[in-house]
Amino acid sequence: QVQLVESGGGLVQAGGSLRLSCAASGFTFSTHAMSWYRQAPGKERELVAVTTSAGGSTNLADSVKGRFTISRDNAKNTVYLQMNSLKPEDTAVYYCHTSYLWHQYWGQGTQVTVSS
């Protein structure tokens, strides 16, 4: 059974930092790409960052380039999202995501709130 469990969200002032973690289980983590998405109130869910299985290649949304970093530790079955220089518009629920055996899997989400 695939499980994705996010942690690390919270309330932070603009300009601050947070590090999100997503602990994965139920599949071979090291052979699957992992992604972070976010969904702000009244908006569609959007892709924030993605990393390949070995972590050698990453891609970030233009809105977070230069501020966010995605990384993974395959020994710990965990993917991270380091968020620096946070802005109020980064406020959203952040979700961990993977695709396994043609199914999409999501975590429960973690709330990030950035105050101005």
C-alpha atoms as a PDB file:
ATOM      1  CA  GLN A   1       0.000   0.000   0.000  1.00  0.00           C
ATOM      2  CA  VAL A   2       1.520   3.263  -1.148  1.00  0.00           C
ATOM      3  CA  GLN A   3       1.672   5.943   1.520  1.00  0.00           C
ATOM      4  CA  LEU A   4       2.990   9.479   1.326  1.00  0.00           C
ATOM      5  CA  VAL A   5       3.134  11.458   4.561  1.00  0.00           C
ATOM      6  CA  GLU A   6       4.068  15.133   4.494  1.00  0.00           C
ATOM      7  CA  SER A   7       5.338  17.177   7.402  1.00  0.00           C
ATOM      8  CA  GLY A   8       7.043  20.481   8.073  1.00  0.00           C
ATOM      9  CA  GLY A   9       4.369  22.998   7.186  1.00  0.00           C
ATOM     10  CA  GLY A  10       3.437  25.910   9.387  1.00  0.00           C
ATOM     11  CA  LEU A  11       3.115  29.660   9.749  1.00  0.00           C
ATOM     12  CA  VAL A  12       6.081  31.794   8.778  1.00  0.00           C
ATOM     13  CA  GLN A  13       6.690  35.465   8.074  1.00  0.00           C
ATOM     14  CA  ALA A  14       7.494  36.682   4.596  1.00  0.00           C
ATOM     15  CA  GLY A  15      11.177  36.167   3.881  1.00  0.00           C
ATOM     16  CA  GLY A  16      11.369  33.140   6.125  1.00  0.00           C
ATOM     17  CA  SER A  17      12.111  29.511   5.362  1.00  0.00           C
ATOM     18  CA  LEU A  18      10.483  26.137   5.808  1.00  0.00           C
ATOM     19  CA  ARG A  19      11.533  22.611   4.928  1.00  0.00           C
ATOM     20  CA  LEU A  20       8.859  20.149   3.948  1.00  0.00           C
ATOM     21  CA  SER A  21       9.404  16.405   4.135  1.00  0.00           C
ATOM     22  CA  CYS A  22       7.517  13.549   2.541  1.00  0.00           C
ATOM     23  CA  ALA A  23       8.069  10.041   3.864  1.00  0.00           C
ATOM     24  CA  ALA A  24       7.158   7.380   1.322  1.00  0.00           C
ATOM     25  CA  SER A  25       6.387   3.693   1.730  1.00  0.00           C
ATOM     26  CA  GLY A  26       4.767   0.811  -0.119  1.00  0.00           C
ATOM     27  CA  PHE A  27       6.781   1.025  -3.313  1.00  0.00           C
ATOM     28  CA  THR A  28      10.384   1.116  -4.502  1.00  0.00           C
ATOM     29  CA  PHE A  29      11.065   4.755  -3.758  1.00  0.00           C
ATOM     30  CA  SER A  30      14.484   4.900  -5.391  1.00  0.00           C
ATOM     31  CA  THR A  31      13.126   4.061  -8.849  1.00  0.00           C
ATOM     32  CA  HIS A  32      10.327   6.621  -8.981  1.00  0.00           C
ATOM     33  CA  ALA A  33      10.183  10.313  -9.691  1.00  0.00           C
ATOM     34  CA  MET A  34       8.689  12.414  -6.897  1.00  0.00           C
ATOM     35  CA  SER A  35       6.924  15.745  -7.060  1.00  0.00           C
ATOM     36  CA  TRP A  36       5.587  18.531  -4.891  1.00  0.00           C
ATOM     37  CA  TYR A  37       2.352  20.288  -5.790  1.00  0.00           C
ATOM     38  CA  ARG A  38       0.461  23.054  -4.046  1.00  0.00           C
ATOM     39  CA  GLN A  39      -3.084  24.323  -3.991  1.00  0.00           C
ATOM     40  CA  ALA A  40      -4.068  27.757  -2.778  1.00  0.00           C
ATOM     41  CA  PRO A  41      -7.663  28.587  -1.801  1.00  0.00           C
ATOM     42  CA  GLY A  42      -9.828  29.008  -4.877  1.00  0.00           C
ATOM     43  CA  LYS A  43      -7.055  27.945  -7.235  1.00  0.00           C
ATOM     44  CA  GLU A  44      -6.157  24.777  -9.072  1.00  0.00           C
ATOM     45  CA  ARG A  45      -3.458  22.475  -7.843  1.00  0.00           C
ATOM     46  CA  GLU A  46      -0.138  23.338  -9.485  1.00  0.00           C
ATOM     47  CA  LEU A  47       3.174  21.571  -9.904  1.00  0.00           C
ATOM     48  CA  VAL A  48       5.925  23.147  -7.834  1.00  0.00           C
ATOM     49  CA  ALA A  49       8.901  20.833  -8.203  1.00  0.00           C
ATOM     50  CA  VAL A  50       9.850  17.400  -9.474  1.00  0.00           C
ATOM     51  CA  THR A  51      12.904  15.212  -9.054  1.00  0.00           C
ATOM     52  CA  THR A  52      13.917  12.115 -11.001  1.00  0.00           C
ATOM     53  CA  SER A  53      14.430   8.782  -9.288  1.00  0.00           C
ATOM     54  CA  ALA A  54      18.131   9.269  -8.623  1.00  0.00           C
ATOM     55  CA  GLY A  55      17.721  12.961  -7.928  1.00  0.00           C
ATOM     56  CA  GLY A  56      20.084  13.874 -10.696  1.00  0.00           C
ATOM     57  CA  SER A  57      17.566  16.038 -12.457  1.00  0.00           C
ATOM     58  CA  THR A  58      15.098  18.457 -10.960  1.00  0.00           C
ATOM     59  CA  ASN A  59      12.610  20.920 -12.327  1.00  0.00           C
ATOM     60  CA  LEU A  60      10.978  23.850 -10.613  1.00  0.00           C
ATOM     61  CA  ALA A  61       8.043  26.084 -11.460  1.00  0.00           C
ATOM     62  CA  ASP A  62       9.119  29.528 -12.624  1.00  0.00           C
ATOM     63  CA  SER A  63       7.386  31.094  -9.639  1.00  0.00           C
ATOM     64  CA  VAL A  64       9.713  29.344  -7.179  1.00  0.00           C
ATOM     65  CA  LYS A  65      12.998  29.147  -9.087  1.00  0.00           C
ATOM     66  CA  GLY A  66      15.867  30.565  -7.093  1.00  0.00           C
ATOM     67  CA  ARG A  67      13.909  30.184  -3.824  1.00  0.00           C
ATOM     68  CA  PHE A  68      12.870  26.529  -3.563  1.00  0.00           C
ATOM     69  CA  THR A  69      14.953  23.380  -3.837  1.00  0.00           C
ATOM     70  CA  ILE A  70      13.741  19.808  -4.162  1.00  0.00           C
ATOM     71  CA  SER A  71      15.933  16.958  -3.010  1.00  0.00           C
ATOM     72  CA  ARG A  72      15.610  13.336  -1.968  1.00  0.00           C
ATOM     73  CA  ASP A  73      17.288  10.792   0.254  1.00  0.00           C
ATOM     74  CA  ASN A  74      16.704   7.375  -1.240  1.00  0.00           C
ATOM     75  CA  ALA A  75      18.168   5.675   1.840  1.00  0.00           C
ATOM     76  CA  LYS A  76      15.410   7.276   3.929  1.00  0.00           C
ATOM     77  CA  ASN A  77      12.624   7.057   1.328  1.00  0.00           C
ATOM     78  CA  THR A  78      12.087  10.772   1.795  1.00  0.00           C
ATOM     79  CA  VAL A  79      11.757  13.747  -0.520  1.00  0.00           C
ATOM     80  CA  TYR A  80      12.238  17.308   0.677  1.00  0.00           C
ATOM     81  CA  LEU A  81      11.211  20.762  -0.392  1.00  0.00           C
ATOM     82  CA  GLN A  82      13.394  23.526   0.986  1.00  0.00           C
ATOM     83  CA  MET A  83      11.560  26.819   0.713  1.00  0.00           C
ATOM     84  CA  ASN A  84      13.467  30.065   1.225  1.00  0.00           C
ATOM     85  CA  SER A  85      12.498  33.712   0.821  1.00  0.00           C
ATOM     86  CA  LEU A  86       8.870  32.775   1.252  1.00  0.00           C
ATOM     87  CA  LYS A  87       6.195  35.138  -0.010  1.00  0.00           C
ATOM     88  CA  PRO A  88       2.518  35.484   0.957  1.00  0.00           C
ATOM     89  CA  GLU A  89       1.600  34.084  -2.454  1.00  0.00           C
ATOM     90  CA  ASP A  90       3.315  30.827  -1.489  1.00  0.00           C
ATOM     91  CA  THR A  91       0.502  30.221   0.996  1.00  0.00           C
ATOM     92  CA  ALA A  92      -1.124  26.909   0.071  1.00  0.00           C
ATOM     93  CA  VAL A  93      -1.539  23.296   0.999  1.00  0.00           C
ATOM     94  CA  TYR A  94       1.514  21.420  -0.263  1.00  0.00           C
ATOM     95  CA  TYR A  95       1.164  17.849  -1.492  1.00  0.00           C
ATOM     96  CA  CYS A  96       3.671  15.131  -2.180  1.00  0.00           C
ATOM     97  CA  HIS A  97       2.961  13.070  -5.311  1.00  0.00           C
ATOM     98  CA  THR A  98       4.158  10.040  -7.204  1.00  0.00           C
ATOM     99  CA  SER A  99       2.928   7.797  -9.973  1.00  0.00           C
ATOM    100  CA  TYR A 100       3.194   4.052  -9.417  1.00  0.00           C
ATOM    101  CA  LEU A 101       1.849   1.296 -11.612  1.00  0.00           C
ATOM    102  CA  TRP A 102      -0.232   3.796 -13.589  1.00  0.00           C
ATOM    103  CA  HIS A 103      -1.904   5.169 -10.473  1.00  0.00           C
ATOM    104  CA  GLN A 104      -1.468   8.637  -9.000  1.00  0.00           C
ATOM    105  CA  TYR A 105      -0.760   8.872  -5.293  1.00  0.00           C
ATOM    106  CA  TRP A 106      -1.000  11.929  -3.070  1.00  0.00           C
ATOM    107  CA  GLY A 107      -0.183  12.674   0.515  1.00  0.00           C
ATOM    108  CA  GLN A 108      -2.676  14.288   2.863  1.00  0.00           C
ATOM    109  CA  GLY A 109      -1.067  17.682   2.413  1.00  0.00           C
ATOM    110  CA  THR A 110       0.618  20.108   4.770  1.00  0.00           C
ATOM    111  CA  GLN A 111      -0.460  23.729   5.200  1.00  0.00           C
ATOM    112  CA  VAL A 112       2.038  26.497   4.580  1.00  0.00           C
ATOM    113  CA  THR A 113       0.949  30.002   5.540  1.00  0.00           C
ATOM    114  CA  VAL A 114       3.167  33.005   4.873  1.00  0.00           C
ATOM    115  CA  SER A 115       2.207  36.222   6.620  1.00  0.00           C
ATOM    116  CA  SER A 116       3.107  39.624   5.228  1.00  0.00           C
END
